[in-house]
Amino acid sequence: MKEKVETNNAPKALGTYSQAITSGNTTYMSGQIPIDPETMELVEGNENQIRQVFKNILSVCEASGASTDQIVKLNIYLSDLSVFAEVNEIMRSFFTEPYPARAAVQVAKLPLDSLIEIEGIIVQD
């Protein structure tokens, strides 16, 4: 069984995917990029893009009925790894310890030429 998770507080899916899917007690969040859900436009500036993508991830998390404490894994894709320290600093304002497990990799290109994309896994008790 799988159940679709959807919220207007994160960007609508731009293709043939769901914002997230829950199966059992696990929710798999699709990659979010820094699109403002109200305008459906990419926000500008490194800090704004990093903050917006975390806001989008948190909105999808909340729509699944979970809290950030239940996000167990994040995969972060960056078009420029030089912003890694800034990602860490901003992430601290959205999460508390113990932080989720995480991977961060530099990629050649992301949708809409965004700086960052994040996907994650939530496990609810």
C-alpha atoms as a PDB file:
ATOM      1  CA  MET A   1       0.000   0.000   0.000  1.00  0.00           C
ATOM      2  CA  LYS A   2       1.137   3.501  -0.738  1.00  0.00           C
ATOM      3  CA  GLU A   3      -0.490   6.796   0.078  1.00  0.00           C
ATOM      4  CA  LYS A   4       0.189  10.113  -1.623  1.00  0.00           C
ATOM      5  CA  VAL A   5       1.291  13.050   0.531  1.00  0.00           C
ATOM      6  CA  GLU A   6       0.469  16.466  -0.874  1.00  0.00           C
ATOM      7  CA  THR A   7       0.497  20.026   0.413  1.00  0.00           C
ATOM      8  CA  ASN A   8      -0.017  23.487  -1.055  1.00  0.00           C
ATOM      9  CA  ASN A   9       2.756  24.706   1.282  1.00  0.00           C
ATOM     10  CA  ALA A  10       5.400  23.163  -1.003  1.00  0.00           C
ATOM     11  CA  PRO A  11       5.728  23.413  -4.764  1.00  0.00           C
ATOM     12  CA  LYS A  12       3.367  21.262  -6.798  1.00  0.00           C
ATOM     13  CA  ALA A  13       5.003  18.324  -8.538  1.00  0.00           C
ATOM     14  CA  LEU A  14       6.460  19.452 -11.892  1.00  0.00           C
ATOM     15  CA  GLY A  15       6.263  16.020 -13.472  1.00  0.00           C
ATOM     16  CA  THR A  16       5.130  12.446 -13.032  1.00  0.00           C
ATOM     17  CA  TYR A  17       5.869  12.136  -9.323  1.00  0.00           C
ATOM     18  CA  SER A  18       4.319  12.879  -5.930  1.00  0.00           C
ATOM     19  CA  GLN A  19       5.688  15.271  -3.312  1.00  0.00           C
ATOM     20  CA  ALA A  20       5.964  12.223  -1.058  1.00  0.00           C
ATOM     21  CA  ILE A  21       4.664   8.689  -0.705  1.00  0.00           C
ATOM     22  CA  THR A  22       3.935   6.929   2.586  1.00  0.00           C
ATOM     23  CA  SER A  23       4.112   3.168   2.827  1.00  0.00           C
ATOM     24  CA  GLY A  24       3.578   1.711   6.282  1.00  0.00           C
ATOM     25  CA  ASN A  25       5.348   3.960   8.764  1.00  0.00           C
ATOM     26  CA  THR A  26       7.867   5.294   6.243  1.00  0.00           C
ATOM     27  CA  THR A  27       7.493   8.360   4.038  1.00  0.00           C
ATOM     28  CA  TYR A  28       9.753   8.941   1.053  1.00  0.00           C
ATOM     29  CA  MET A  29       9.995  12.606   0.089  1.00  0.00           C
ATOM     30  CA  SER A  30      10.727  13.488  -3.517  1.00  0.00           C
ATOM     31  CA  GLY A  31      13.498  15.935  -4.197  1.00  0.00           C
ATOM     32  CA  GLN A  32      12.525  19.503  -3.483  1.00  0.00           C
ATOM     33  CA  ILE A  33      14.152  22.472  -5.148  1.00  0.00           C
ATOM     34  CA  PRO A  34      13.924  26.087  -3.920  1.00  0.00           C
ATOM     35  CA  ILE A  35      10.671  27.033  -5.591  1.00  0.00           C
ATOM     36  CA  ASP A  36       8.340  29.385  -3.735  1.00  0.00           C
ATOM     37  CA  PRO A  37       5.054  27.428  -3.574  1.00  0.00           C
ATOM     38  CA  GLU A  38       2.974  30.611  -3.938  1.00  0.00           C
ATOM     39  CA  THR A  39       4.637  31.854  -7.127  1.00  0.00           C
ATOM     40  CA  MET A  40       6.042  28.531  -8.409  1.00  0.00           C
ATOM     41  CA  GLU A  41       9.220  30.491  -9.222  1.00  0.00           C
ATOM     42  CA  LEU A  42      12.772  29.672  -8.187  1.00  0.00           C
ATOM     43  CA  VAL A  43      13.929  32.041  -5.433  1.00  0.00           C
ATOM     44  CA  GLU A  44      17.153  33.939  -6.028  1.00  0.00           C
ATOM     45  CA  GLY A  45      20.394  33.988  -4.068  1.00  0.00           C
ATOM     46  CA  ASN A  46      22.280  31.161  -2.386  1.00  0.00           C
ATOM     47  CA  GLU A  47      20.991  31.744   1.146  1.00  0.00           C
ATOM     48  CA  ASN A  48      17.391  32.186  -0.044  1.00  0.00           C
ATOM     49  CA  GLN A  49      17.575  29.005  -2.114  1.00  0.00           C
ATOM     50  CA  ILE A  50      18.968  26.983   0.785  1.00  0.00           C
ATOM     51  CA  ARG A  51      16.347  28.295   3.218  1.00  0.00           C
ATOM     52  CA  GLN A  52      13.486  27.785   0.738  1.00  0.00           C
ATOM     53  CA  VAL A  53      14.390  24.175  -0.001  1.00  0.00           C
ATOM     54  CA  PHE A  54      14.451  23.375   3.737  1.00  0.00           C
ATOM     55  CA  LYS A  55      11.070  25.124   4.146  1.00  0.00           C
ATOM     56  CA  ASN A  56       9.677  22.977   1.318  1.00  0.00           C
ATOM     57  CA  ILE A  57      11.044  19.778   2.884  1.00  0.00           C
ATOM     58  CA  LEU A  58       9.518  20.725   6.241  1.00  0.00           C
ATOM     59  CA  SER A  59       6.144  21.471   4.651  1.00  0.00           C
ATOM     60  CA  VAL A  60       6.055  18.043   3.011  1.00  0.00           C
ATOM     61  CA  CYS A  61       7.146  16.475   6.298  1.00  0.00           C
ATOM     62  CA  GLU A  62       4.307  18.215   8.177  1.00  0.00           C
ATOM     63  CA  ALA A  63       1.805  17.190   5.483  1.00  0.00           C
ATOM     64  CA  SER A  64       2.744  13.578   6.179  1.00  0.00           C
ATOM     65  CA  GLY A  65       1.843  14.079   9.842  1.00  0.00           C
ATOM     66  CA  ALA A  66       5.453  13.971  10.994  1.00  0.00           C
ATOM     67  CA  SER A  67       7.911  16.355  12.614  1.00  0.00           C
ATOM     68  CA  THR A  68      11.489  17.098  11.661  1.00  0.00           C
ATOM     69  CA  ASP A  69      12.601  14.803  14.492  1.00  0.00           C
ATOM     70  CA  GLN A  70      11.242  11.926  12.420  1.00  0.00           C
ATOM     71  CA  ILE A  71      13.309  12.708   9.315  1.00  0.00           C
ATOM     72  CA  VAL A  72      15.961   9.982   9.444  1.00  0.00           C
ATOM     73  CA  LYS A  73      17.808  10.573   6.157  1.00  0.00           C
ATOM     74  CA  LEU A  74      18.450  13.482   3.812  1.00  0.00           C
ATOM     75  CA  ASN A  75      20.195  13.468   0.458  1.00  0.00           C
ATOM     76  CA  ILE A  76      21.426  16.906  -0.533  1.00  0.00           C
ATOM     77  CA  TYR A  77      22.446  17.667  -4.106  1.00  0.00           C
ATOM     78  CA  LEU A  78      24.389  20.849  -4.797  1.00  0.00           C
ATOM     79  CA  SER A  79      25.432  22.392  -8.082  1.00  0.00           C
ATOM     80  CA  ASP A  80      28.308  24.058  -6.188  1.00  0.00           C
ATOM     81  CA  LEU A  81      29.856  22.279  -3.201  1.00  0.00           C
ATOM     82  CA  SER A  82      31.466  25.544  -2.048  1.00  0.00           C
ATOM     83  CA  VAL A  83      28.163  26.414  -0.284  1.00  0.00           C
ATOM     84  CA  PHE A  84      28.389  23.279   1.890  1.00  0.00           C
ATOM     85  CA  ALA A  85      29.287  25.250   5.057  1.00  0.00           C
ATOM     86  CA  GLU A  86      26.324  27.578   4.472  1.00  0.00           C
ATOM     87  CA  VAL A  87      24.018  24.558   4.051  1.00  0.00           C
ATOM     88  CA  ASN A  88      25.251  23.198   7.399  1.00  0.00           C
ATOM     89  CA  GLU A  89      24.686  26.516   9.156  1.00  0.00           C
ATOM     90  CA  ILE A  90      21.173  26.982   7.786  1.00  0.00           C
ATOM     91  CA  MET A  91      20.280  23.333   8.432  1.00  0.00           C
ATOM     92  CA  ARG A  92      21.019  23.898  12.141  1.00  0.00           C
ATOM     93  CA  SER A  93      18.149  26.398  12.254  1.00  0.00           C
ATOM     94  CA  PHE A  94      15.677  23.778  10.977  1.00  0.00           C
ATOM     95  CA  PHE A  95      16.794  20.646  12.861  1.00  0.00           C
ATOM     96  CA  THR A  96      17.904  19.626  16.337  1.00  0.00           C
ATOM     97  CA  GLU A  97      20.219  16.844  17.423  1.00  0.00           C
ATOM     98  CA  PRO A  98      20.367  14.054  16.694  1.00  0.00           C
ATOM     99  CA  TYR A  99      20.456  15.326  13.120  1.00  0.00           C
ATOM    100  CA  PRO A 100      19.282  13.064  10.286  1.00  0.00           C
ATOM    101  CA  ALA A 101      21.803  10.893   8.498  1.00  0.00           C
ATOM    102  CA  ARG A 102      22.841  12.733   5.369  1.00  0.00           C
ATOM    103  CA  ALA A 103      24.708  12.650   2.107  1.00  0.00           C
ATOM    104  CA  ALA A 104      25.783  15.778   0.247  1.00  0.00           C
ATOM    105  CA  VAL A 105      27.100  15.583  -3.284  1.00  0.00           C
ATOM    106  CA  GLN A 106      27.916  18.002  -6.067  1.00  0.00           C
ATOM    107  CA  VAL A 107      26.111  17.384  -9.331  1.00  0.00           C
ATOM    108  CA  ALA A 108      26.536  18.893 -12.782  1.00  0.00           C
ATOM    109  CA  LYS A 109      23.059  20.421 -13.007  1.00  0.00           C
ATOM    110  CA  LEU A 110      19.760  20.555 -11.135  1.00  0.00           C
ATOM    111  CA  PRO A 111      16.225  21.311 -12.347  1.00  0.00           C
ATOM    112  CA  LEU A 112      15.686  24.968 -13.303  1.00  0.00           C
ATOM    113  CA  ASP A 113      19.415  25.534 -12.653  1.00  0.00           C
ATOM    114  CA  SER A 114      18.774  25.600  -8.918  1.00  0.00           C
ATOM    115  CA  LEU A 115      21.676  25.536  -6.471  1.00  0.00           C
ATOM    116  CA  ILE A 116      20.231  22.801  -4.268  1.00  0.00           C
ATOM    117  CA  GLU A 117      17.828  19.860  -4.192  1.00  0.00           C
ATOM    118  CA  ILE A 118      16.960  17.799  -1.108  1.00  0.00           C
ATOM    119  CA  GLU A 119      15.101  14.518  -0.708  1.00  0.00           C
ATOM    120  CA  GLY A 120      14.467  12.644   2.501  1.00  0.00           C
ATOM    121  CA  ILE A 121      13.031   9.708   4.374  1.00  0.00           C
ATOM    122  CA  ILE A 122      10.708   9.968   7.377  1.00  0.00           C
ATOM    123  CA  VAL A 123      10.013   7.126   9.806  1.00  0.00           C
ATOM    124  CA  GLN A 124       7.015   7.536  12.122  1.00  0.00           C
ATOM    125  CA  ASP A 125       6.479   5.465  15.258  1.00  0.00           C
END
